[in-house]
Amino acid sequence: MKNCRLLFFALLLTGSWYACTPKMEDGGSDPIEADVVVYGGTAAAVVAAVQVKRMGKSVVVVSPDTHLGGLSSGGLGWTDTGNKAVIGGIARQFYHKIFQHYQDSTAWKWQSRSEYGNRGQGTPAIDGAERTMWIFEPSTAEAAFEEFVKEYDIEIYREEWLDRAEGVVMDGKNISTITTLSGQQYKGKQFIDATYEGDLMASAGVAYHVGREANSVYGEKWNGIQTGVLHHDHFFKKPVDPYLEKGNPDSGVLPRISTEPPGDYGQGDKRIQAYCFRMCLSNHPDNRVPFSKPTGYDPAQYELLVRVFQEGWDELFRKFDPIPNRKTDTNNHGPFSTDNIGMNYDYPEASYEKRREIIAEHELYQKGLLYFLSTDPRIPKEYQDKLNEWGLAKDEFTDNGNWPHQLYIREARRMIGKYVMTEHEVMGDREVLESVGMGSYTMDSHNVQRYIKPDGFVQNEGDLGVKPAQPYQIHLGALLPKAEECTNLTVPICVSSSHIAFGSIRMEPVFMILGQSAATVAVQAIDEELSVQEVPYKQVRERLEADGQVLAYIKPETPTSK
């Protein structure tokens, strides 16, 4: 099967996948049956399966991926937690497993625990009182997910890709079976789509949206096109010329700048926030793989970055966030960085073949960026010398050339379900009466496009961050399709949400929280012989509270001075 896996990606590019896929004889093998079928290999998928097992039902996880955990084990080790007090249930138990791992002195191979200290984002990375740890190496996270799988004896079917064209069989409004490209059928009473893309949801005929809604759709302020809005540090702070020959529009435009109009402020579009790989780098001489020249490298793709440096930009290392053992979770930062702006618009609804091409282009762009920064003579020497102290971590992603196995799919499809979460709920302006979990992170969208302003200079658009006053509740209905579309499916990642509300919800701890809640609803629907939309909220709440899920937030009292 491993050889088939290696061929899979190559054959996707040629459209010849079925040549590699095992064919089932005489109409296929018997279906694999379970009470609940979870599609996806993400952190939410694992957590959902754990909850199903804890509630006494059988479950199978049908994972397109070899490695479990999605972004949580794919490089995003600097966890976007927001307020940790609202992270409960199995999600908190995952971070407890991380804590336990790093209590063992043998876990600190490349640096001492005291050297690492207790770094974090406003609050400590290691919370001794709560016995949790929030910053970790990718391999440590993956091991924790595999520990869950072993502990609960969860059946995982890896490298199984949904046949999106014909693989979902409906019995009225119920999903009856799903079939993967290998020809294997999976039969369940309930299904959970725990993918970043929402492929099962879409194939089952559930309504969804891709892109940014106009502000008028849900009466929002921060959705839609955000020309003129500049948040964070991911924009051009000084005028930068976009033309091949400076000042001459007739000479053509530098690569990675759109010549299309950006659109009108507040209007909707089909654009989605940029993707990147969250890289795990090391500066330990014995655990560092130097940046190499990728096949297809084109230095012209990074000409705009040269001009950014020429304007005095000095923030190259701002997001080399330190994780244990002299490694990083390196993320996008600045006007031209690892975010591959404007190159992912087709991804959410693309074929597997096309998606693979998009992923490969992102990989080439980012590897080329590293090579350019580390070798091109136009990069200031002080930055180049410092960068060349780093390389890919030799002991991470060892079966993938030390490169992350998961592209950061920040946003793809979003269900239009029973209840739509908007900025009104996130900002606390509208009460949520049926909470199944909480979020607290900033409404965070990365840039969506790079365009030429009327004054002739380049600018990015779409990046913003708007912080809620306090943690907010996520409605049960955001996990559920409309009853007229599908009655035995829950969706904990591609939730029913506007673009900008999803900018806060889309954090890995929240996906784990919602994975547990989705599984709870699914099992209770089986027990009561109801559709997921008919399960009484009171029943859901009682079980989630018993399992340690945080459904409401009580702000700590501020001590008064005497």
Protein backbone atom coordinates (compact mmCIF):
# COMPACT_ATOMS: atom_id res chain seq x y z
CA MET A 1 0.00 0.00 0.00
CA LYS A 2 2.94 2.34 0.67
CA ASN A 3 4.07 1.96 -2.95
CA CYS A 4 0.55 2.83 -4.05
CA ARG A 5 0.70 5.90 -1.83
CA LEU A 6 3.89 7.06 -3.57
CA LEU A 7 2.30 6.55 -6.95
CA PHE A 8 -0.90 8.26 -5.87
CA PHE A 9 0.37 11.83 -5.99
CA ALA A 10 2.19 11.32 -9.26
CA LEU A 11 -0.81 9.67 -10.85
CA LEU A 12 -3.13 12.42 -9.67
CA LEU A 13 -1.13 14.82 -11.82
CA THR A 14 -1.71 12.67 -14.88
CA GLY A 15 -5.30 11.82 -14.13
CA SER A 16 -4.39 8.13 -13.90
CA TRP A 17 -5.32 7.46 -10.28
CA TYR A 18 -7.61 4.58 -11.05
CA ALA A 19 -4.69 2.70 -12.58
CA CYS A 20 -3.18 2.52 -9.10
CA THR A 21 -6.38 2.04 -7.13
CA PRO A 22 -7.24 -1.57 -6.27
CA LYS A 23 -10.42 -2.58 -8.06
CA MET A 24 -13.07 -4.61 -6.29
CA GLU A 25 -14.25 -7.71 -8.08
CA ASP A 26 -17.91 -8.60 -8.65
CA GLY A 27 -19.30 -5.28 -7.49
CA GLY A 28 -16.89 -4.70 -4.59
CA SER A 29 -16.19 -6.20 -1.18
CA ASP A 30 -18.65 -6.17 1.68
CA PRO A 31 -19.15 -2.73 3.23
CA ILE A 32 -17.26 -1.91 6.39
CA GLU A 33 -19.95 -1.05 8.93
CA ALA A 34 -19.99 1.06 12.08
CA ASP A 35 -22.49 3.11 14.00
CA VAL A 36 -20.59 6.27 13.05
CA VAL A 37 -18.36 6.83 10.05
CA VAL A 38 -15.94 9.74 10.40
CA TYR A 39 -14.44 11.03 7.15
CA GLY A 40 -11.15 12.88 7.59
CA GLY A 41 -7.78 12.54 9.31
CA THR A 42 -7.76 15.85 11.17
CA ALA A 43 -7.55 16.49 14.90
CA ALA A 44 -11.34 16.91 14.88
CA ALA A 45 -11.72 13.48 13.26
CA VAL A 46 -9.67 11.74 15.96
CA VAL A 47 -11.46 13.55 18.78
CA ALA A 48 -14.86 12.72 17.27
CA ALA A 49 -13.93 9.04 17.09
CA VAL A 50 -12.77 9.05 20.71
CA GLN A 51 -16.08 10.53 21.82
CA VAL A 52 -18.09 7.95 19.87
CA LYS A 53 -16.15 5.16 21.56
CA ARG A 54 -16.60 6.75 24.99
CA MET A 55 -20.34 6.84 24.37
CA GLY A 56 -20.40 3.11 23.63
CA LYS A 57 -20.80 3.06 19.88
CA SER A 58 -18.67 1.64 17.10
CA VAL A 59 -16.75 3.98 14.80
CA VAL A 60 -14.43 3.91 11.82
CA VAL A 61 -12.26 6.76 10.63
CA VAL A 62 -11.90 6.96 6.86
CA SER A 63 -8.86 9.13 6.35
CA PRO A 64 -7.49 10.44 3.06
CA ASP A 65 -4.27 11.12 4.97
CA THR A 66 -1.57 8.81 6.24
CA HIS A 67 -0.72 11.09 9.15
CA LEU A 68 -3.39 11.92 11.70
CA GLY A 69 -3.93 15.35 13.20
CA GLY A 70 -4.10 17.69 10.22
CA LEU A 71 -2.47 21.03 11.01
CA SER A 72 -2.04 20.17 14.69
CA SER A 73 0.56 17.57 13.69
CA GLY A 74 1.43 19.30 10.41
CA GLY A 75 3.53 22.19 11.70
CA LEU A 76 1.11 24.35 13.67
CA GLY A 77 2.76 23.81 17.03
CA TRP A 78 2.37 27.39 18.25
CA THR A 79 -1.28 26.87 19.14
CA ASP A 80 -3.74 29.70 18.47
CA THR A 81 -5.54 29.29 21.77
CA GLY A 82 -7.16 32.59 22.59
CA ASN A 83 -8.56 32.18 26.09
CA LYS A 84 -7.46 28.74 27.30
CA ALA A 85 -10.17 28.68 29.96
CA VAL A 86 -12.81 27.78 27.36
CA ILE A 87 -10.87 24.80 25.94
CA GLY A 88 -12.27 21.73 27.68
CA GLY A 89 -13.19 18.11 27.08
CA ILE A 90 -11.02 15.90 24.89
CA ALA A 91 -9.27 18.95 23.42
CA ARG A 92 -7.86 19.82 26.84
CA GLN A 93 -6.93 16.17 27.34
CA PHE A 94 -4.88 16.35 24.13
CA TYR A 95 -2.91 19.28 25.53
CA HIS A 96 -2.50 17.32 28.76
CA LYS A 97 -0.89 14.52 26.74
CA ILE A 98 1.51 17.10 25.33
CA PHE A 99 2.29 18.25 28.87
CA GLN A 100 2.99 14.69 29.99
CA HIS A 101 5.35 14.11 27.07
CA TYR A 102 7.51 17.10 27.89
CA GLN A 103 7.67 16.18 31.58
CA ASP A 104 10.01 13.36 30.54
CA SER A 105 13.60 14.58 30.37
CA THR A 106 14.26 12.34 27.35
CA ALA A 107 11.81 14.51 25.32
CA TRP A 108 14.36 17.34 25.43
CA LYS A 109 16.89 16.00 22.93
CA TRP A 110 18.18 19.19 21.30
CA GLN A 111 17.92 21.63 24.19
CA SER A 112 17.29 21.54 27.90
CA ARG A 113 13.88 22.30 29.27
CA SER A 114 15.34 25.21 31.23
CA GLU A 115 16.83 26.67 28.05
CA TYR A 116 13.43 26.62 26.38
CA GLY A 117 11.80 28.19 29.40
CA ASN A 118 8.06 28.77 29.31
CA ARG A 119 7.43 30.78 26.20
CA GLY A 120 3.93 31.53 25.02
CA GLN A 121 1.43 34.05 23.75
CA GLY A 122 0.53 36.24 26.69
CA THR A 123 0.13 33.14 28.89
CA PRO A 124 2.70 30.41 29.55
CA ALA A 125 3.30 27.61 27.05
CA ILE A 126 3.35 25.21 30.00
CA ASP A 127 0.60 25.58 32.56
CA GLY A 128 1.74 23.50 35.49
CA ALA A 129 -1.36 24.09 37.58
CA GLU A 130 -3.62 22.85 34.77
CA ARG A 131 -1.08 20.25 33.60
CA THR A 132 -1.39 21.38 29.98
CA MET A 133 1.12 22.45 27.35
CA TRP A 134 0.16 24.44 24.28
CA ILE A 135 3.34 24.62 22.20
CA PHE A 136 4.89 21.46 20.78
CA GLU A 137 6.75 19.69 17.99
CA PRO A 138 4.74 18.19 15.09
CA SER A 139 5.91 14.65 15.80
CA THR A 140 4.84 14.99 19.44
CA ALA A 141 1.32 15.98 18.40
CA GLU A 142 1.04 13.11 15.94
CA ALA A 143 2.17 10.65 18.62
CA ALA A 144 -0.53 11.99 20.96
CA PHE A 145 -3.23 11.39 18.34
CA GLU A 146 -1.92 7.90 17.69
CA GLU A 147 -2.02 7.29 21.45
CA PHE A 148 -5.72 8.16 21.43
CA VAL A 149 -6.25 5.71 18.57
CA LYS A 150 -4.46 2.92 20.42
CA GLU A 151 -6.10 3.67 23.75
CA TYR A 152 -9.63 3.49 22.29
CA ASP A 153 -8.89 0.81 19.69
CA ILE A 154 -10.16 3.03 16.88
CA GLU A 155 -10.21 1.54 13.39
CA ILE A 156 -8.44 3.86 10.95
CA TYR A 157 -8.57 3.31 7.18
CA ARG A 158 -5.81 5.49 5.79
CA GLU A 159 -5.21 6.74 2.25
CA GLU A 160 -8.89 6.35 1.51
CA TRP A 161 -10.22 9.17 -0.66
CA LEU A 162 -13.93 9.74 -1.08
CA ASP A 163 -15.29 9.15 -4.56
CA ARG A 164 -16.77 12.61 -4.77
CA ALA A 165 -18.67 11.99 -8.00
CA GLU A 166 -20.50 8.75 -7.21
CA GLY A 167 -19.38 7.65 -3.75
CA VAL A 168 -22.18 9.03 -1.59
CA VAL A 169 -25.39 7.00 -1.63
CA MET A 170 -28.45 8.63 -0.10
CA ASP A 171 -31.51 6.92 1.33
CA GLY A 172 -33.91 9.82 1.26
CA LYS A 173 -32.20 12.52 3.33
CA ASN A 174 -29.91 10.04 5.05
CA ILE A 175 -26.42 9.09 3.88
CA SER A 176 -26.49 5.31 3.54
CA THR A 177 -22.95 4.52 2.41
CA ILE A 178 -19.84 6.24 1.17
CA THR A 179 -17.37 4.68 -1.25
CA THR A 180 -13.73 5.63 -1.67
CA LEU A 181 -11.61 5.62 -4.81
CA SER A 182 -10.27 2.19 -3.84
CA GLY A 183 -13.80 0.85 -4.26
CA GLN A 184 -14.28 0.19 -0.54
CA GLN A 185 -17.71 0.95 0.86
CA TYR A 186 -18.41 2.26 4.37
CA LYS A 187 -21.86 1.98 5.90
CA GLY A 188 -23.02 3.87 8.99
CA LYS A 189 -26.02 5.17 10.85
CA GLN A 190 -24.36 8.56 11.27
CA PHE A 191 -21.59 10.34 9.36
CA ILE A 192 -19.21 13.11 10.37
CA ASP A 193 -17.36 15.23 7.81
CA ALA A 194 -14.16 16.20 9.63
CA THR A 195 -12.19 17.39 6.59
CA TYR A 196 -10.86 20.89 5.96
CA GLU A 197 -12.49 20.86 2.52
CA GLY A 198 -16.03 19.59 3.31
CA ASP A 199 -15.99 16.99 0.53
CA LEU A 200 -18.49 14.61 2.14
CA MET A 201 -20.82 17.46 3.01
CA ALA A 202 -20.77 18.76 -0.56
CA SER A 203 -21.16 15.30 -2.13
CA ALA A 204 -24.22 14.70 0.05
CA GLY A 205 -25.91 17.75 -1.46
CA VAL A 206 -25.58 20.04 1.55
CA ALA A 207 -25.57 23.77 0.78
CA TYR A 208 -22.31 25.65 1.29
CA HIS A 209 -20.51 28.87 0.44
CA VAL A 210 -17.01 29.58 -0.87
CA GLY A 211 -15.48 33.03 -0.54
CA ARG A 212 -16.50 36.18 1.27
CA GLU A 213 -20.12 37.17 1.65
CA ALA A 214 -21.04 40.80 1.12
CA ASN A 215 -21.51 42.66 4.39
CA SER A 216 -25.15 43.11 3.44
CA VAL A 217 -25.86 39.35 3.56
CA TYR A 218 -25.65 39.05 7.35
CA GLY A 219 -25.49 42.72 8.30
CA GLU A 220 -21.79 42.52 9.12
CA LYS A 221 -18.97 45.08 9.10
CA TRP A 222 -15.85 42.97 8.67
CA ASN A 223 -16.90 40.53 5.94
CA GLY A 224 -16.54 41.18 2.21
CA ILE A 225 -13.78 43.08 0.40
CA GLN A 226 -11.71 45.18 2.81
CA THR A 227 -9.87 47.65 0.58
CA GLY A 228 -8.31 50.38 2.68
CA VAL A 229 -8.37 48.29 5.87
CA LEU A 230 -4.84 47.53 7.11
CA HIS A 231 -4.46 45.35 10.19
CA HIS A 232 -1.51 43.40 11.60
CA ASP A 233 1.81 43.89 9.76
CA HIS A 234 1.02 42.02 6.55
CA PHE A 235 0.77 44.99 4.22
CA PHE A 236 3.08 47.32 2.29
CA LYS A 237 3.86 50.09 4.76
CA LYS A 238 5.84 52.08 2.21
CA PRO A 239 5.11 52.69 -1.49
CA VAL A 240 6.42 49.79 -3.58
CA ASP A 241 6.33 49.89 -7.38
CA PRO A 242 4.65 46.85 -8.98
CA TYR A 243 6.03 47.19 -12.52
CA LEU A 244 8.89 45.33 -14.16
CA GLU A 245 10.40 48.69 -15.01
CA LYS A 246 9.71 51.02 -12.12
CA GLY A 247 7.24 53.74 -13.01
CA ASN A 248 6.36 52.21 -16.39
CA PRO A 249 3.02 50.35 -16.49
CA ASP A 250 3.67 49.40 -20.10
CA SER A 251 6.62 47.25 -19.04
CA GLY A 252 4.39 44.67 -17.37
CA VAL A 253 3.73 43.67 -13.79
CA LEU A 254 5.97 41.75 -11.42
CA PRO A 255 4.91 38.16 -10.63
CA ARG A 256 2.29 37.53 -7.95
CA ILE A 257 0.48 40.83 -8.38
CA SER A 258 -3.03 40.86 -9.81
CA THR A 259 -3.95 43.36 -12.52
CA GLU A 260 -7.66 42.85 -11.82
CA PRO A 261 -9.63 45.50 -9.89
CA PRO A 262 -9.87 44.50 -6.22
CA GLY A 263 -13.61 45.08 -6.05
CA ASP A 264 -15.68 47.47 -3.97
CA TYR A 265 -15.41 47.69 -0.21
CA GLY A 266 -17.93 45.46 1.58
CA GLN A 267 -18.93 43.49 -1.50
CA GLY A 268 -18.68 39.71 -1.69
CA ASP A 269 -16.35 37.69 -3.89
CA LYS A 270 -15.15 34.12 -4.45
CA ARG A 271 -11.66 34.77 -3.11
CA ILE A 272 -10.40 32.95 -0.01
CA GLN A 273 -7.63 33.76 2.43
CA ALA A 274 -4.14 32.62 1.49
CA TYR A 275 -2.66 29.22 2.32
CA CYS A 276 0.88 28.34 3.38
CA PHE A 277 2.87 25.56 5.00
CA ARG A 278 3.66 26.03 8.69
CA MET A 279 7.35 25.14 8.55
CA CYS A 280 9.27 23.41 11.30
CA LEU A 281 12.82 24.77 11.20
CA SER A 282 15.84 24.00 13.36
CA ASN A 283 19.05 25.88 14.10
CA HIS A 284 20.76 22.96 15.82
CA PRO A 285 23.79 22.00 13.68
CA ASP A 286 23.06 18.28 14.11
CA ASN A 287 19.35 18.55 13.33
CA ARG A 288 19.33 21.02 10.46
CA VAL A 289 18.83 20.32 6.75
CA PRO A 290 20.07 23.33 4.71
CA PHE A 291 17.61 24.96 2.33
CA SER A 292 18.05 23.51 -1.16
CA LYS A 293 17.14 24.69 -4.63
CA PRO A 294 13.80 23.15 -5.62
CA THR A 295 13.13 21.81 -9.09
CA GLY A 296 11.41 24.54 -11.09
CA TYR A 297 12.94 27.37 -9.06
CA ASP A 298 12.46 30.80 -10.64
CA PRO A 299 14.09 33.74 -8.82
CA ALA A 300 11.90 36.19 -10.75
CA GLN A 301 8.96 35.09 -8.57
CA TYR A 302 10.53 36.94 -5.63
CA GLU A 303 11.48 40.23 -7.26
CA LEU A 304 8.80 42.04 -5.30
CA LEU A 305 10.44 40.89 -2.06
CA VAL A 306 13.70 42.53 -3.12
CA ARG A 307 11.87 45.84 -3.38
CA VAL A 308 10.34 45.31 0.06
CA PHE A 309 13.84 44.95 1.53
CA GLN A 310 15.00 47.99 -0.41
CA GLU A 311 12.34 50.00 1.43
CA GLY A 312 13.92 49.05 4.75
CA TRP A 313 11.76 46.12 5.84
CA ASP A 314 13.39 44.40 8.85
CA GLU A 315 10.82 41.89 10.15
CA LEU A 316 11.98 38.67 8.45
CA PHE A 317 12.29 36.67 11.66
CA ARG A 318 9.20 38.02 13.42
CA LYS A 319 7.24 34.73 13.14
CA PHE A 320 9.99 32.21 13.82
CA ASP A 321 7.98 31.15 16.87
CA PRO A 322 10.05 28.88 19.12
CA ILE A 323 8.80 25.41 19.95
CA PRO A 324 10.75 22.87 22.02
CA ASN A 325 14.12 21.46 20.96
CA ARG A 326 15.44 24.50 19.09
CA LYS A 327 12.73 24.33 16.47
CA THR A 328 10.14 26.74 15.16
CA ASP A 329 6.62 26.98 13.95
CA THR A 330 7.43 29.48 11.20
CA ASN A 331 4.40 31.33 9.87
CA ASN A 332 3.69 34.12 7.41
CA HIS A 333 4.72 37.64 8.35
CA GLY A 334 4.97 40.85 6.37
CA PRO A 335 3.82 42.05 2.94
CA PHE A 336 5.59 39.26 1.00
CA SER A 337 6.11 36.06 2.94
CA THR A 338 5.07 32.41 3.07
CA ASP A 339 1.40 33.13 2.33
CA ASN A 340 0.93 32.37 -1.36
CA ILE A 341 -1.59 35.12 -1.97
CA GLY A 342 -4.14 34.61 -4.72
CA MET A 343 -3.01 31.14 -5.78
CA ASN A 344 -5.65 29.02 -4.02
CA TYR A 345 -9.01 30.29 -5.28
CA ASP A 346 -9.82 27.05 -7.10
CA TYR A 347 -8.77 24.73 -4.30
CA PRO A 348 -12.04 24.22 -2.34
CA GLU A 349 -14.00 22.75 -5.23
CA ALA A 350 -11.14 21.49 -7.37
CA SER A 351 -10.66 17.84 -8.37
CA TYR A 352 -8.06 15.84 -6.46
CA GLU A 353 -5.76 16.24 -9.44
CA LYS A 354 -6.14 20.01 -9.49
CA ARG A 355 -5.76 20.27 -5.72
CA ARG A 356 -2.54 18.31 -5.93
CA GLU A 357 -1.26 20.80 -8.52
CA ILE A 358 -2.17 23.71 -6.23
CA ILE A 359 -0.43 22.06 -3.26
CA ALA A 360 2.67 21.42 -5.38
CA GLU A 361 2.73 25.04 -6.53
CA HIS A 362 2.53 26.21 -2.92
CA GLU A 363 5.39 23.90 -1.98
CA LEU A 364 7.55 25.14 -4.87
CA TYR A 365 6.76 28.77 -4.00
CA GLN A 366 7.69 28.35 -0.35
CA LYS A 367 10.80 26.22 -0.89
CA GLY A 368 11.86 28.67 -3.60
CA LEU A 369 11.33 31.55 -1.19
CA LEU A 370 13.65 29.93 1.36
CA TYR A 371 16.30 29.27 -1.27
CA PHE A 372 16.01 32.81 -2.63
CA LEU A 373 16.35 34.37 0.81
CA SER A 374 19.33 32.17 1.66
CA THR A 375 21.28 32.63 -1.60
CA ASP A 376 20.30 35.68 -3.64
CA PRO A 377 22.93 38.44 -3.36
CA ARG A 378 20.29 41.16 -3.26
CA ILE A 379 19.06 40.03 0.16
CA PRO A 380 20.77 42.05 2.91
CA LYS A 381 23.70 40.04 4.21
CA GLU A 382 22.77 40.39 7.88
CA TYR A 383 19.44 38.65 7.25
CA GLN A 384 20.87 36.09 4.88
CA ASP A 385 23.62 35.06 7.29
CA LYS A 386 21.13 34.67 10.11
CA LEU A 387 18.72 32.68 7.94
CA ASN A 388 21.47 30.29 6.93
CA GLU A 389 21.83 29.27 10.55
CA TRP A 390 18.44 27.60 10.05
CA GLY A 391 17.21 24.65 8.01
CA LEU A 392 14.40 22.13 7.91
CA ALA A 393 14.23 20.05 11.09
CA LYS A 394 15.86 16.73 10.23
CA ASP A 395 13.76 14.70 12.67
CA GLU A 396 10.36 16.04 11.55
CA PHE A 397 8.27 14.85 8.57
CA THR A 398 10.92 12.23 7.91
CA ASP A 399 8.89 10.44 5.21
CA ASN A 400 8.28 13.68 3.28
CA GLY A 401 11.73 15.20 2.89
CA ASN A 402 11.29 17.06 6.21
CA TRP A 403 8.52 19.12 4.64
CA PRO A 404 5.08 19.40 6.30
CA HIS A 405 2.57 16.88 5.00
CA GLN A 406 -0.38 19.26 5.46
CA LEU A 407 -0.97 22.53 3.64
CA TYR A 408 -2.67 25.11 5.87
CA ILE A 409 -6.19 25.14 4.45
CA ARG A 410 -7.28 28.23 6.32
CA GLU A 411 -10.66 28.29 4.63
CA ALA A 412 -12.46 26.23 1.99
CA ARG A 413 -16.16 25.41 1.85
CA ARG A 414 -18.39 26.58 4.68
CA MET A 415 -21.76 24.95 5.20
CA ILE A 416 -24.95 26.99 5.07
CA GLY A 417 -26.68 25.04 7.79
CA LYS A 418 -29.42 25.17 10.36
CA TYR A 419 -27.80 28.18 12.05
CA VAL A 420 -25.17 30.51 10.58
CA MET A 421 -22.53 31.94 12.91
CA THR A 422 -21.68 35.55 12.07
CA GLU A 423 -19.62 38.36 13.57
CA HIS A 424 -22.68 39.25 15.67
CA GLU A 425 -22.34 36.05 17.69
CA VAL A 426 -18.54 36.26 17.81
CA MET A 427 -18.54 39.85 19.03
CA GLY A 428 -21.21 39.14 21.64
CA ASP A 429 -23.92 41.25 20.02
CA ARG A 430 -26.32 38.33 19.58
CA GLU A 431 -27.07 35.69 22.22
CA VAL A 432 -26.40 32.03 21.43
CA LEU A 433 -29.01 29.85 23.13
CA GLU A 434 -27.71 26.38 22.21
CA SER A 435 -23.97 26.36 22.88
CA VAL A 436 -21.90 23.28 22.02
CA GLY A 437 -18.50 24.86 22.62
CA MET A 438 -16.69 28.15 22.69
CA GLY A 439 -14.20 30.17 20.70
CA SER A 440 -12.23 33.22 21.71
CA TYR A 441 -9.61 33.97 19.08
CA THR A 442 -9.48 37.15 17.03
CA MET A 443 -11.59 37.20 13.86
CA ASP A 444 -8.50 36.65 11.74
CA SER A 445 -8.36 36.61 7.96
CA HIS A 446 -5.09 36.43 6.09
CA ASN A 447 -4.68 38.38 2.86
CA VAL A 448 -6.89 37.42 -0.04
CA GLN A 449 -5.36 39.35 -2.94
CA ARG A 450 -2.45 41.58 -3.97
CA TYR A 451 -3.45 44.38 -6.31
CA ILE A 452 -2.40 47.73 -7.78
CA LYS A 453 -3.91 50.79 -6.13
CA PRO A 454 -5.11 53.85 -8.07
CA ASP A 455 -1.87 55.63 -7.11
CA GLY A 456 0.12 52.97 -8.98
CA PHE A 457 1.63 51.19 -5.98
CA VAL A 458 1.04 47.63 -4.80
CA GLN A 459 -1.00 46.64 -1.75
CA ASN A 460 -2.41 43.52 -0.11
CA GLU A 461 -6.09 43.15 0.77
CA GLY A 462 -8.10 40.95 3.08
CA ASP A 463 -5.90 40.72 6.17
CA LEU A 464 -7.56 41.86 9.35
CA GLY A 465 -7.90 40.98 13.00
CA VAL A 466 -10.83 42.00 15.17
CA LYS A 467 -10.78 40.74 18.74
CA PRO A 468 -13.95 39.74 20.60
CA ALA A 469 -14.41 41.35 23.98
CA GLN A 470 -14.63 37.92 25.59
CA PRO A 471 -15.12 34.25 24.59
CA TYR A 472 -18.24 33.48 22.61
CA GLN A 473 -20.56 30.48 22.26
CA ILE A 474 -20.91 28.40 19.10
CA HIS A 475 -24.44 27.32 18.21
CA LEU A 476 -25.39 23.66 17.84
CA GLY A 477 -27.10 24.51 14.55
CA ALA A 478 -23.75 25.54 13.04
CA LEU A 479 -22.75 21.84 13.01
CA LEU A 480 -25.97 20.67 11.35
CA PRO A 481 -27.17 20.78 7.75
CA LYS A 482 -30.69 21.91 7.10
CA ALA A 483 -33.13 19.05 7.71
CA GLU A 484 -34.38 19.16 4.13
CA GLU A 485 -30.86 18.41 2.88
CA CYS A 486 -29.33 15.74 5.14
CA THR A 487 -30.42 14.29 8.48
CA ASN A 488 -27.53 12.06 9.59
CA LEU A 489 -24.47 14.26 9.04
CA THR A 490 -22.59 16.58 11.38
CA VAL A 491 -19.84 18.98 10.28
CA PRO A 492 -17.33 20.19 12.91
CA ILE A 493 -14.79 21.96 10.63
CA CYS A 494 -16.57 23.43 7.61
CA VAL A 495 -19.18 24.80 9.98
CA SER A 496 -22.09 27.00 9.05
CA SER A 497 -20.47 30.40 9.35
CA SER A 498 -19.75 33.61 7.53
CA HIS A 499 -16.23 34.17 6.24
CA ILE A 500 -15.23 36.57 8.99
CA ALA A 501 -16.79 34.60 11.86
CA PHE A 502 -14.96 31.54 10.56
CA GLY A 503 -11.77 33.58 10.88
CA SER A 504 -12.10 33.08 14.63
CA ILE A 505 -13.74 29.66 14.72
CA ARG A 506 -11.09 28.08 12.45
CA MET A 507 -8.56 27.37 15.22
CA GLU A 508 -7.41 23.82 15.88
CA PRO A 509 -8.54 23.69 19.55
CA VAL A 510 -12.01 24.81 18.46
CA PHE A 511 -12.13 22.14 15.74
CA MET A 512 -11.34 19.53 18.42
CA ILE A 513 -14.07 20.94 20.66
CA LEU A 514 -16.59 20.82 17.83
CA GLY A 515 -15.47 17.32 16.84
CA GLN A 516 -16.44 16.08 20.29
CA SER A 517 -19.76 17.94 20.16
CA ALA A 518 -20.59 16.64 16.68
CA ALA A 519 -19.94 13.08 17.80
CA THR A 520 -22.15 13.57 20.86
CA VAL A 521 -25.07 14.67 18.70
CA ALA A 522 -24.49 11.78 16.29
CA VAL A 523 -24.54 9.15 19.03
CA GLN A 524 -27.60 10.63 20.71
CA ALA A 525 -29.39 10.65 17.35
CA ILE A 526 -28.71 6.91 17.10
CA ASP A 527 -29.83 6.22 20.66
CA GLU A 528 -33.07 8.17 20.26
CA GLU A 529 -33.67 7.16 16.63
CA LEU A 530 -33.88 10.80 15.62
CA SER A 531 -32.39 12.99 12.95
CA VAL A 532 -29.48 15.10 14.13
CA GLN A 533 -31.70 18.15 13.86
CA GLU A 534 -34.26 16.61 16.24
CA VAL A 535 -31.90 15.72 19.12
CA PRO A 536 -33.02 17.82 22.12
CA TYR A 537 -30.46 20.45 23.01
CA LYS A 538 -30.93 19.85 26.75
CA GLN A 539 -29.75 16.30 26.26
CA VAL A 540 -26.72 17.41 24.24
CA ARG A 541 -25.79 20.03 26.83
CA GLU A 542 -26.02 17.64 29.76
CA ARG A 543 -23.72 15.11 28.13
CA LEU A 544 -21.17 17.72 27.00
CA GLU A 545 -21.04 19.30 30.44
CA ALA A 546 -20.57 15.87 32.01
CA ASP A 547 -17.65 15.31 29.64
CA GLY A 548 -15.94 18.55 30.59
CA GLN A 549 -16.88 20.66 27.58
CA VAL A 550 -17.01 24.39 28.36
CA LEU A 551 -20.30 25.83 27.09
CA ALA A 552 -20.38 29.21 28.84
CA TYR A 553 -17.80 31.65 30.11
CA ILE A 554 -17.89 33.41 33.45
CA LYS A 555 -15.42 36.26 33.51
CA PRO A 556 -13.14 36.07 36.54
CA GLU A 557 -13.73 38.78 39.07
CA THR A 558 -11.11 41.49 39.19
CA PRO A 559 -9.62 41.68 42.70
CA THR A 560 -10.47 44.93 44.42
CA SER A 561 -7.76 46.81 46.25
CA LYS A 562 -8.25 47.59 49.92
